[in-house]
Amino acid sequence: MPLIRKNLLSQGPEMLNYIQHLNKSFYQENPVASPSNTQLLFFNDDLAKTINASDKDIKSVSYLSGQSASKKNQSISLAYAGHQFGHFVPLLGDGRAHIIDQFKINDQTYDLQLKGSGPTPYSRGGDGLCPLGPALREYLISEALYYLNIPTTRSLSVVVTGDYVYREAKLPGAIVSRFAKNHIRIGTFEHFAHKDDFENLKLLTDFYINTYEGDLNKEDKKYKLLFERICQRLIQLVVDWQGIGFIHGVMNTDNMAISGETIDFGPCAFMNQYKANQVYSFIDKQGRYSYLNQGPIVLWNLSCFANALLKVIALDFSDEKTAIEYLQTYFDGLYEYYQNLYYQKMSQKLGVITYEEKHDKPLVDQFLQILTKNKLDFTHSFNQLKSLSFSDKEFESAWLDRLSQQNKSNDDVITLLKKYNPYFIPRNHVVDQALENAYQNNFDLFKKIYEHIKDPFRNIESPLTQAPKENEDIENTFCGT
């Protein structure tokens, strides 16, 4: 049902909940930049229906560029730290983003943030702007993940600014608006833990529980349970990524939202040929954030989160030593938890309805080894299974024998295969071409990709579903900072 936008707070009609409940250690109030000549390029009508587009200003270019009178001087940028490629940076923050509004949907609070909206106190000398290409990439990829049933932030709009952004070339600028449960990251907690600021660390944790996880207030050990809940949702998120061959590219702790939504779409892409070590970030020379390393990395990030939250978690225990012992025991089981979720997901992609480790783990490994050896396309190979056949007959025999043990009909198996194996993903070479075309003011390809994105599990005949030829493959993507 349509949901009503309403003011969140009693202290003034437009006050953000961050301002009401936190202090200026957490954010800076600063106005968005004033673009020269804004034009609304894309607007997400489907998302707007969720947040009540009948609110008249929501589709106006003035609102979506932060220029409306009610938004211009009431925007904030959040502070956070983070481990970037394993190295800790004590203060990062929103260097080119402003939260301008919040919405209540079924008693859940959501943020609307502009990205590319100008410099902030956290810009560290940057211009705070965003080229058109990265703005369109975020719009496209975030919506693709949404329709692939992956938890994600979403994009409401792309506005062109009429100004140029100078990166490797002179590029037209844009502002993308991001709709998210919230913008609190692992790095937000690290920021206060690094300063040994227990008061604000606890304030942040309580704010998060009260605003987003209120049911935990009924529990005896709410901080422990919050930590476990966040671990589980972030591990599940990474497994969901891996199930569709998605590679985030920059899984720094400042890019991990504790809501469990995918956030920050820079050097990300969907894998073509299956390569366990595939990366798309030009600067990831060591493969830290490669496809198969995303599981171990999310656990590493969660260990950073545990260190940051330790003193708060200790409030649920008799002392800090006992809390450390609990965390050590909990982490001892997290890799197995991840492995079980991963193999369960990959088994579902093989049509296995009830996962059994002794049968299905070797089957998944065998299938991926075949893809590796024969340099096969990840998405196409799983889709081939919908015919209940496969080109490698040794695997096909073992696989069909396993399926026969389920006592399920072929129709049941095919239904599962269709549920977990999309026909369409926005392939990197196609997206790259769409963005190149956009710089020439041609958006036809972008619109075609977006049409397919909205129904990715439908079997379609389209050149856009094809894997790249050797000379078409795009190995690196960029964030545009």
Protein backbone atom coordinates (compact mmCIF):
# COMPACT_ATOMS: atom_id res chain seq x y z
CA MET A 1 0.00 0.00 0.00
CA PRO A 2 1.18 3.59 -0.54
CA LEU A 3 3.00 4.88 2.49
CA ILE A 4 2.81 8.33 3.97
CA ARG A 5 5.75 10.64 4.31
CA LYS A 6 5.61 12.49 7.61
CA ASN A 7 7.86 14.56 9.81
CA LEU A 8 9.93 12.47 12.15
CA LEU A 9 10.50 14.90 14.93
CA SER A 10 8.70 17.29 17.20
CA GLN A 11 11.58 19.78 17.21
CA GLY A 12 10.95 21.59 13.95
CA PRO A 13 9.25 20.24 10.82
CA GLU A 14 12.35 19.11 8.92
CA MET A 15 14.88 18.19 11.60
CA LEU A 16 16.76 14.95 10.85
CA ASN A 17 16.81 12.31 13.54
CA TYR A 18 20.63 12.39 13.57
CA ILE A 19 20.40 16.02 14.68
CA GLN A 20 17.74 15.33 17.27
CA HIS A 21 19.39 12.34 18.95
CA LEU A 22 23.13 12.71 18.33
CA ASN A 23 25.63 15.56 18.60
CA LYS A 24 28.05 17.29 16.28
CA SER A 25 30.72 14.69 16.84
CA PHE A 26 28.65 12.56 14.46
CA TYR A 27 27.86 15.01 11.66
CA GLN A 28 28.37 18.47 10.27
CA GLU A 29 25.55 20.66 9.03
CA ASN A 30 26.61 22.14 5.70
CA PRO A 31 24.78 23.32 2.60
CA VAL A 32 24.88 21.53 -0.70
CA ALA A 33 26.62 23.25 -3.60
CA SER A 34 24.66 25.43 -6.04
CA PRO A 35 24.84 23.90 -9.52
CA SER A 36 24.73 26.10 -12.61
CA ASN A 37 21.89 24.55 -14.57
CA THR A 38 20.17 21.48 -13.09
CA GLN A 39 18.07 19.12 -15.16
CA LEU A 40 16.34 15.94 -14.04
CA LEU A 41 17.77 13.11 -16.13
CA PHE A 42 16.25 10.01 -14.51
CA PHE A 43 13.60 9.57 -11.84
CA ASN A 44 12.67 6.26 -10.22
CA ASP A 45 8.88 6.24 -10.28
CA ASP A 46 8.68 2.76 -8.77
CA LEU A 47 10.71 3.79 -5.74
CA ALA A 48 8.79 7.06 -5.49
CA LYS A 49 5.53 5.14 -5.09
CA THR A 50 6.99 3.58 -1.95
CA ILE A 51 7.82 6.92 -0.37
CA ASN A 52 4.71 8.72 -1.60
CA ALA A 53 5.42 10.72 -4.74
CA SER A 54 2.22 12.67 -4.14
CA ASP A 55 4.40 14.88 -1.97
CA LYS A 56 4.69 17.55 -4.64
CA ASP A 57 8.34 18.51 -4.33
CA ILE A 58 9.79 15.02 -4.42
CA LYS A 59 10.12 14.98 -8.20
CA SER A 60 11.26 18.57 -8.57
CA VAL A 61 14.82 19.17 -9.70
CA SER A 62 15.10 21.77 -6.95
CA TYR A 63 14.40 19.14 -4.29
CA LEU A 64 16.56 16.44 -5.90
CA SER A 65 19.56 18.75 -6.14
CA GLY A 66 19.13 20.05 -2.60
CA GLN A 67 18.22 23.57 -3.75
CA SER A 68 14.68 23.83 -2.38
CA ALA A 69 14.36 26.33 0.44
CA SER A 70 13.54 23.65 3.00
CA LYS A 71 16.64 21.57 2.14
CA LYS A 72 19.38 23.98 1.12
CA ASN A 73 20.66 24.74 4.61
CA GLN A 74 19.37 21.71 6.51
CA SER A 75 21.58 19.01 5.06
CA ILE A 76 24.20 17.07 6.99
CA SER A 77 27.26 14.97 6.25
CA LEU A 78 28.20 12.13 8.58
CA ALA A 79 31.56 11.43 10.19
CA TYR A 80 33.14 8.00 10.11
CA ALA A 81 36.51 6.29 9.97
CA GLY A 82 37.46 3.05 8.26
CA HIS A 83 39.94 0.39 7.32
CA GLN A 84 40.80 0.98 3.66
CA PHE A 85 42.57 -2.01 2.11
CA GLY A 86 43.51 -3.05 5.65
CA HIS A 87 44.92 0.32 6.74
CA PHE A 88 43.06 2.39 9.32
CA VAL A 89 42.10 5.98 8.50
CA PRO A 90 40.75 7.74 11.63
CA LEU A 91 38.51 10.29 9.89
CA LEU A 92 36.89 9.86 6.49
CA GLY A 93 33.26 10.96 6.48
CA ASP A 94 30.90 11.96 3.69
CA GLY A 95 33.26 13.79 1.39
CA ARG A 96 30.72 14.44 -1.37
CA ALA A 97 27.37 13.54 0.13
CA HIS A 98 24.59 15.23 2.08
CA ILE A 99 21.59 13.70 3.83
CA ILE A 100 18.73 16.06 3.00
CA ASP A 101 15.59 14.26 4.16
CA GLN A 102 14.13 11.30 6.01
CA PHE A 103 10.96 9.29 5.61
CA LYS A 104 8.85 7.05 7.81
CA ILE A 105 7.61 3.88 6.16
CA ASN A 106 5.75 1.44 8.39
CA ASP A 107 7.48 2.98 11.43
CA GLN A 108 10.90 2.45 9.83
CA THR A 109 13.11 5.48 9.22
CA TYR A 110 14.85 5.94 5.84
CA ASP A 111 17.43 8.49 4.67
CA LEU A 112 17.57 10.35 1.38
CA GLN A 113 21.13 11.35 0.59
CA LEU A 114 22.56 13.31 -2.32
CA LYS A 115 25.91 12.19 -3.71
CA GLY A 116 28.03 14.56 -5.77
CA SER A 117 26.36 17.52 -4.09
CA GLY A 118 29.50 19.48 -3.29
CA PRO A 119 32.32 19.70 -0.74
CA THR A 120 31.80 18.96 2.93
CA PRO A 121 33.97 19.32 6.03
CA TYR A 122 35.14 15.76 5.29
CA SER A 123 36.19 16.34 1.66
CA ARG A 124 39.92 16.48 2.52
CA GLY A 125 40.61 18.91 -0.31
CA GLY A 126 38.31 17.21 -2.82
CA ASP A 127 35.68 19.03 -4.84
CA GLY A 128 32.78 16.92 -3.54
CA LEU A 129 31.45 16.40 -7.06
CA CYS A 130 30.53 13.36 -9.12
CA PRO A 131 30.86 12.82 -12.87
CA LEU A 132 27.80 11.68 -14.79
CA GLY A 133 29.15 8.15 -15.44
CA PRO A 134 29.57 7.05 -11.80
CA ALA A 135 26.18 8.58 -10.91
CA LEU A 136 24.51 6.55 -13.67
CA ARG A 137 26.45 3.44 -12.62
CA GLU A 138 25.12 3.69 -9.06
CA TYR A 139 21.58 4.25 -10.33
CA LEU A 140 21.81 1.21 -12.60
CA ILE A 141 23.66 -1.26 -10.38
CA SER A 142 21.77 -0.48 -7.17
CA GLU A 143 18.46 -1.00 -8.96
CA ALA A 144 19.79 -4.19 -10.57
CA LEU A 145 20.60 -5.60 -7.15
CA TYR A 146 17.15 -4.64 -5.88
CA TYR A 147 15.40 -6.58 -8.64
CA LEU A 148 17.80 -9.49 -8.11
CA ASN A 149 16.48 -9.63 -4.51
CA ILE A 150 19.73 -8.45 -2.93
CA PRO A 151 19.50 -6.01 0.03
CA THR A 152 20.67 -2.67 -1.29
CA THR A 153 20.43 1.06 -1.09
CA ARG A 154 18.41 2.38 -4.02
CA SER A 155 18.58 5.38 -6.33
CA LEU A 156 15.71 7.83 -6.64
CA SER A 157 17.13 10.13 -9.28
CA VAL A 158 20.02 11.39 -11.35
CA VAL A 159 20.27 15.15 -11.88
CA VAL A 160 22.79 16.75 -14.22
CA THR A 161 24.30 19.90 -12.76
CA GLY A 162 25.37 21.92 -15.79
CA ASP A 163 28.90 22.01 -14.36
CA TYR A 164 32.02 20.10 -15.32
CA VAL A 165 33.98 17.74 -13.09
CA TYR A 166 37.70 17.35 -13.69
CA ARG A 167 39.08 13.83 -13.27
CA GLU A 168 41.07 12.03 -15.96
CA ALA A 169 39.11 14.25 -18.34
CA LYS A 170 36.63 17.12 -18.31
CA LEU A 171 33.29 15.43 -17.59
CA PRO A 172 29.72 16.61 -17.05
CA GLY A 173 28.70 16.57 -13.40
CA ALA A 174 25.70 14.88 -11.81
CA ILE A 175 24.00 14.26 -8.49
CA VAL A 176 22.55 10.84 -7.65
CA SER A 177 20.09 10.53 -4.79
CA ARG A 178 20.42 7.48 -2.55
CA PHE A 179 17.55 6.01 -0.56
CA ALA A 180 18.73 3.87 2.37
CA LYS A 181 17.62 2.50 5.72
CA ASN A 182 20.44 4.56 7.16
CA HIS A 183 24.03 5.56 6.47
CA ILE A 184 25.67 4.16 9.60
CA ARG A 185 28.71 2.05 8.80
CA ILE A 186 31.17 -0.16 10.64
CA GLY A 187 33.51 2.78 10.23
CA THR A 188 31.13 5.02 12.18
CA PHE A 189 31.75 2.89 15.27
CA GLU A 190 35.47 2.70 14.54
CA HIS A 191 35.62 6.51 14.52
CA PHE A 192 34.62 6.76 18.18
CA ALA A 193 36.41 3.61 19.33
CA HIS A 194 39.66 4.96 17.91
CA LYS A 195 39.24 8.11 20.01
CA ASP A 196 38.37 5.95 23.04
CA ASP A 197 35.14 7.94 23.23
CA PHE A 198 32.95 5.48 25.08
CA GLU A 199 30.19 8.01 25.75
CA ASN A 200 29.57 8.67 22.07
CA LEU A 201 30.13 5.04 21.14
CA LYS A 202 27.34 4.00 23.49
CA LEU A 203 25.20 6.92 22.33
CA LEU A 204 25.59 5.73 18.74
CA THR A 205 24.73 2.15 19.65
CA ASP A 206 21.66 3.14 21.64
CA PHE A 207 20.56 5.50 18.89
CA TYR A 208 20.83 2.70 16.35
CA ILE A 209 18.86 0.27 18.49
CA ASN A 210 16.17 2.78 19.41
CA THR A 211 15.74 4.00 15.84
CA TYR A 212 16.17 0.83 13.78
CA GLU A 213 16.17 -2.26 16.02
CA GLY A 214 13.72 -1.33 18.77
CA ASP A 215 12.73 -4.92 19.48
CA LEU A 216 16.16 -5.46 21.05
CA ASN A 217 15.22 -3.19 23.95
CA LYS A 218 13.14 -6.08 25.27
CA GLU A 219 16.20 -8.34 25.49
CA ASP A 220 18.59 -8.78 28.41
CA LYS A 221 21.75 -8.71 26.28
CA LYS A 222 20.75 -6.27 23.59
CA TYR A 223 24.27 -5.19 22.62
CA LYS A 224 25.45 -8.75 22.15
CA LEU A 225 22.35 -9.56 20.13
CA LEU A 226 22.76 -6.45 18.00
CA PHE A 227 26.32 -7.47 17.18
CA GLU A 228 25.24 -11.00 16.24
CA ARG A 229 22.37 -9.70 14.13
CA ILE A 230 24.69 -7.40 12.18
CA CYS A 231 27.24 -10.18 11.66
CA GLN A 232 24.57 -12.49 10.29
CA ARG A 233 23.05 -9.95 7.93
CA LEU A 234 26.39 -8.83 6.49
CA ILE A 235 27.55 -12.39 5.95
CA GLN A 236 24.23 -13.16 4.26
CA LEU A 237 24.65 -10.08 2.08
CA VAL A 238 28.04 -11.23 0.81
CA VAL A 239 26.71 -14.72 0.12
CA ASP A 240 23.86 -13.14 -1.84
CA TRP A 241 26.43 -11.17 -3.87
CA GLN A 242 28.42 -14.30 -4.60
CA GLY A 243 25.29 -16.16 -5.67
CA ILE A 244 24.86 -13.80 -8.63
CA GLY A 245 28.57 -13.27 -9.34
CA PHE A 246 28.60 -9.72 -7.99
CA ILE A 247 31.93 -8.27 -6.88
CA HIS A 248 31.72 -5.16 -4.72
CA GLY A 249 35.26 -4.00 -5.36
CA VAL A 250 35.96 -1.90 -2.26
CA MET A 251 34.81 -3.74 0.87
CA ASN A 252 36.47 -1.28 3.23
CA THR A 253 34.85 -1.01 6.65
CA ASP A 254 33.60 2.47 5.76
CA ASN A 255 31.69 0.88 2.85
CA MET A 256 29.88 -1.68 5.01
CA ALA A 257 26.48 -0.42 6.20
CA ILE A 258 25.34 -2.22 9.34
CA SER A 259 21.80 -2.22 7.94
CA GLY A 260 22.99 -5.06 5.69
CA GLU A 261 22.30 -3.07 2.52
CA THR A 262 24.77 -2.85 -0.35
CA ILE A 263 26.26 0.63 -0.37
CA ASP A 264 28.81 2.50 -2.52
CA PHE A 265 28.99 1.43 -6.15
CA GLY A 266 32.42 2.32 -7.41
CA PRO A 267 34.64 -0.40 -8.90
CA CYS A 268 31.91 -3.04 -8.75
CA ALA A 269 30.77 -5.41 -11.49
CA PHE A 270 29.09 -8.72 -12.26
CA MET A 271 31.50 -11.49 -13.13
CA ASN A 272 31.51 -12.89 -16.67
CA GLN A 273 33.92 -15.83 -16.96
CA TYR A 274 34.16 -17.58 -13.60
CA LYS A 275 37.40 -16.67 -11.86
CA ALA A 276 37.69 -17.13 -8.11
CA ASN A 277 40.29 -14.35 -8.01
CA GLN A 278 38.41 -11.88 -10.23
CA VAL A 279 38.73 -8.23 -9.17
CA TYR A 280 37.43 -5.05 -10.80
CA SER A 281 39.16 -2.35 -8.78
CA PHE A 282 42.25 -1.01 -10.55
CA ILE A 283 43.98 -0.36 -7.23
CA ASP A 284 43.28 -3.84 -5.80
CA LYS A 285 46.59 -5.25 -7.00
CA GLN A 286 46.68 -8.00 -4.36
CA GLY A 287 43.13 -9.25 -4.92
CA ARG A 288 42.00 -8.34 -1.42
CA TYR A 289 38.40 -7.90 -2.58
CA SER A 290 38.29 -10.63 -5.21
CA TYR A 291 35.14 -12.69 -5.80
CA LEU A 292 35.93 -15.60 -3.51
CA ASN A 293 37.78 -13.48 -0.96
CA GLN A 294 34.66 -11.47 -0.16
CA GLY A 295 33.64 -14.06 2.43
CA PRO A 296 36.88 -13.95 4.45
CA ILE A 297 36.95 -10.15 4.10
CA VAL A 298 33.49 -9.65 5.56
CA LEU A 299 34.65 -11.70 8.55
CA TRP A 300 37.76 -9.52 8.82
CA ASN A 301 35.57 -6.42 8.71
CA LEU A 302 33.36 -7.86 11.42
CA SER A 303 36.40 -8.45 13.59
CA CYS A 304 37.10 -4.71 13.25
CA PHE A 305 33.50 -4.07 14.25
CA ALA A 306 33.90 -6.36 17.29
CA ASN A 307 37.00 -4.46 18.39
CA ALA A 308 35.19 -1.14 17.99
CA LEU A 309 32.09 -2.26 19.87
CA LEU A 310 33.86 -4.27 22.57
CA LYS A 311 33.32 -1.88 25.48
CA VAL A 312 29.63 -1.58 24.69
CA ILE A 313 29.20 -5.35 24.31
CA ALA A 314 30.97 -5.74 27.66
CA LEU A 315 28.00 -4.02 29.32
CA ASP A 316 26.09 -7.27 28.73
CA PHE A 317 28.72 -9.27 30.62
CA SER A 318 30.31 -9.20 34.04
CA ASP A 319 33.50 -7.59 32.69
CA GLU A 320 35.43 -6.93 29.51
CA LYS A 321 37.44 -10.14 29.79
CA THR A 322 34.26 -12.21 29.70
CA ALA A 323 33.05 -10.23 26.68
CA ILE A 324 36.33 -10.97 24.88
CA GLU A 325 35.96 -14.67 25.64
CA TYR A 326 32.42 -14.59 24.22
CA LEU A 327 33.61 -12.83 21.06
CA GLN A 328 36.45 -15.27 20.55
CA THR A 329 34.06 -18.21 20.83
CA TYR A 330 31.53 -16.53 18.56
CA PHE A 331 34.13 -15.83 15.88
CA ASP A 332 35.35 -19.41 16.05
CA GLY A 333 32.02 -20.40 14.53
CA LEU A 334 31.57 -17.56 12.03
CA TYR A 335 33.65 -18.97 9.20
CA GLU A 336 31.69 -22.22 9.34
CA TYR A 337 28.49 -20.14 9.39
CA TYR A 338 29.63 -18.33 6.26
CA GLN A 339 30.69 -21.56 4.54
CA ASN A 340 27.32 -23.19 5.23
CA LEU A 341 25.42 -20.21 3.85
CA TYR A 342 27.67 -20.02 0.79
CA TYR A 343 27.36 -23.70 -0.11
CA GLN A 344 23.65 -23.67 0.59
CA LYS A 345 23.23 -20.73 -1.80
CA MET A 346 25.33 -22.37 -4.52
CA SER A 347 23.48 -25.66 -4.05
CA GLN A 348 20.18 -23.88 -4.57
CA LYS A 349 21.61 -22.60 -7.85
CA LEU A 350 22.13 -26.27 -8.75
CA GLY A 351 18.50 -27.09 -7.96
CA VAL A 352 19.15 -28.69 -4.56
CA ILE A 353 16.15 -28.02 -2.35
CA THR A 354 17.52 -29.27 0.98
CA TYR A 355 21.26 -28.75 1.44
CA GLU A 356 23.31 -31.70 2.71
CA GLU A 357 26.97 -30.86 3.16
CA LYS A 358 28.44 -34.30 2.43
CA HIS A 359 26.67 -34.52 -0.92
CA ASP A 360 26.36 -30.94 -2.06
CA LYS A 361 29.62 -29.24 -1.10
CA PRO A 362 31.68 -31.55 -3.36
CA LEU A 363 29.11 -31.08 -6.12
CA VAL A 364 29.39 -27.30 -5.98
CA ASP A 365 33.19 -27.51 -5.95
CA GLN A 366 33.14 -29.87 -8.93
CA PHE A 367 30.90 -27.50 -10.90
CA LEU A 368 33.07 -24.45 -10.17
CA GLN A 369 36.21 -26.38 -11.08
CA ILE A 370 34.66 -27.16 -14.46
CA LEU A 371 33.85 -23.49 -14.98
CA THR A 372 37.42 -22.57 -14.08
CA LYS A 373 39.07 -25.22 -16.24
CA ASN A 374 36.94 -24.46 -19.30
CA LYS A 375 36.81 -20.68 -18.78
CA LEU A 376 33.02 -20.72 -18.79
CA ASP A 377 30.63 -17.87 -18.15
CA PHE A 378 29.21 -17.88 -14.61
CA THR A 379 25.65 -16.77 -15.41
CA HIS A 380 25.26 -18.74 -18.64
CA SER A 381 26.57 -21.95 -17.06
CA PHE A 382 24.01 -21.91 -14.28
CA ASN A 383 21.26 -21.08 -16.76
CA GLN A 384 22.22 -24.10 -18.85
CA LEU A 385 21.10 -26.27 -15.94
CA LYS A 386 17.47 -25.25 -16.47
CA SER A 387 17.36 -27.80 -19.32
CA LEU A 388 18.36 -30.45 -16.74
CA SER A 389 21.52 -31.11 -18.73
CA PHE A 390 25.09 -29.87 -18.78
CA SER A 391 27.95 -30.00 -21.25
CA ASP A 392 30.25 -31.88 -18.86
CA LYS A 393 28.68 -35.34 -18.78
CA GLU A 394 30.62 -36.57 -15.74
CA PHE A 395 29.21 -33.70 -13.69
CA GLU A 396 25.79 -34.08 -15.27
CA SER A 397 25.59 -37.70 -14.15
CA ALA A 398 26.56 -36.94 -10.54
CA TRP A 399 24.28 -33.90 -10.46
CA LEU A 400 21.20 -35.66 -11.82
CA ASP A 401 21.80 -38.54 -9.42
CA ARG A 402 21.83 -36.05 -6.52
CA LEU A 403 18.62 -34.42 -7.73
CA SER A 404 16.91 -37.80 -7.97
CA GLN A 405 17.58 -38.36 -4.27
CA GLN A 406 15.33 -35.43 -3.36
CA ASN A 407 12.10 -37.15 -4.38
CA LYS A 408 11.03 -33.94 -6.07
CA SER A 409 9.59 -33.52 -9.53
CA ASN A 410 11.55 -32.00 -12.38
CA ASP A 411 9.16 -29.07 -12.27
CA ASP A 412 10.09 -28.44 -8.63
CA VAL A 413 13.78 -28.46 -9.50
CA ILE A 414 13.34 -26.17 -12.51
CA THR A 415 11.30 -23.75 -10.38
CA LEU A 416 14.21 -23.52 -7.95
CA LEU A 417 16.73 -23.09 -10.77
CA LYS A 418 14.67 -20.24 -12.19
CA LYS A 419 14.39 -18.60 -8.77
CA TYR A 420 18.14 -18.42 -8.10
CA ASN A 421 19.63 -18.08 -11.58
CA PRO A 422 18.88 -14.82 -13.40
CA TYR A 423 19.00 -14.61 -17.17
CA PHE A 424 20.02 -11.00 -17.15
CA ILE A 425 22.78 -9.18 -15.32
CA PRO A 426 24.10 -5.73 -16.29
CA ARG A 427 27.39 -6.89 -17.75
CA ASN A 428 30.36 -4.63 -17.34
CA HIS A 429 31.12 -4.11 -21.03
CA VAL A 430 27.49 -3.23 -21.75
CA VAL A 431 27.26 -0.83 -18.81
CA ASP A 432 30.54 0.77 -19.81
CA GLN A 433 29.24 1.33 -23.34
CA ALA A 434 26.00 2.80 -21.97
CA LEU A 435 27.98 5.26 -19.86
CA GLU A 436 30.21 6.21 -22.79
CA ASN A 437 27.07 6.82 -24.86
CA ALA A 438 25.61 8.92 -22.05
CA TYR A 439 28.58 11.26 -22.24
CA GLN A 440 27.53 11.80 -25.87
CA ASN A 441 23.97 12.55 -24.71
CA ASN A 442 22.70 9.19 -25.97
CA PHE A 443 20.78 7.28 -23.30
CA ASP A 444 19.12 4.61 -25.45
CA LEU A 445 21.37 1.76 -24.31
CA PHE A 446 21.10 2.84 -20.67
CA LYS A 447 17.30 2.71 -20.93
CA LYS A 448 17.38 -0.75 -22.57
CA ILE A 449 19.57 -2.11 -19.77
CA TYR A 450 17.23 -0.62 -17.19
CA GLU A 451 14.22 -2.29 -18.84
CA HIS A 452 15.91 -5.70 -18.57
CA ILE A 453 17.04 -5.02 -15.00
CA LYS A 454 13.45 -4.86 -13.81
CA ASP A 455 12.74 -8.46 -14.83
CA PRO A 456 16.08 -10.29 -14.61
CA PHE A 457 14.69 -13.81 -14.24
CA ARG A 458 12.72 -13.70 -17.48
CA ASN A 459 14.21 -15.67 -20.35
CA ILE A 460 14.84 -13.13 -23.09
CA GLU A 461 16.57 -13.16 -26.44
CA SER A 462 18.78 -10.10 -26.36
CA PRO A 463 22.36 -9.25 -27.30
CA LEU A 464 22.61 -7.61 -23.87
CA THR A 465 22.57 -11.04 -22.19
CA GLN A 466 25.65 -12.24 -24.06
CA ALA A 467 29.06 -12.55 -22.46
CA PRO A 468 31.69 -10.16 -23.81
CA LYS A 469 33.96 -11.11 -26.64
CA GLU A 470 37.65 -11.11 -25.78
CA ASN A 471 38.14 -7.57 -27.05
CA GLU A 472 35.02 -6.32 -25.24
CA ASP A 473 35.87 -7.42 -21.71
CA ILE A 474 36.24 -4.53 -19.23
CA GLU A 475 38.60 -5.46 -16.40
CA ASN A 476 38.47 -2.27 -14.32
CA THR A 477 35.75 0.07 -13.10
CA PHE A 478 36.19 3.35 -11.27
CA CYS A 479 34.38 5.24 -8.52
CA GLY A 480 34.81 8.75 -9.90
CA THR A 481 36.16 10.32 -6.70
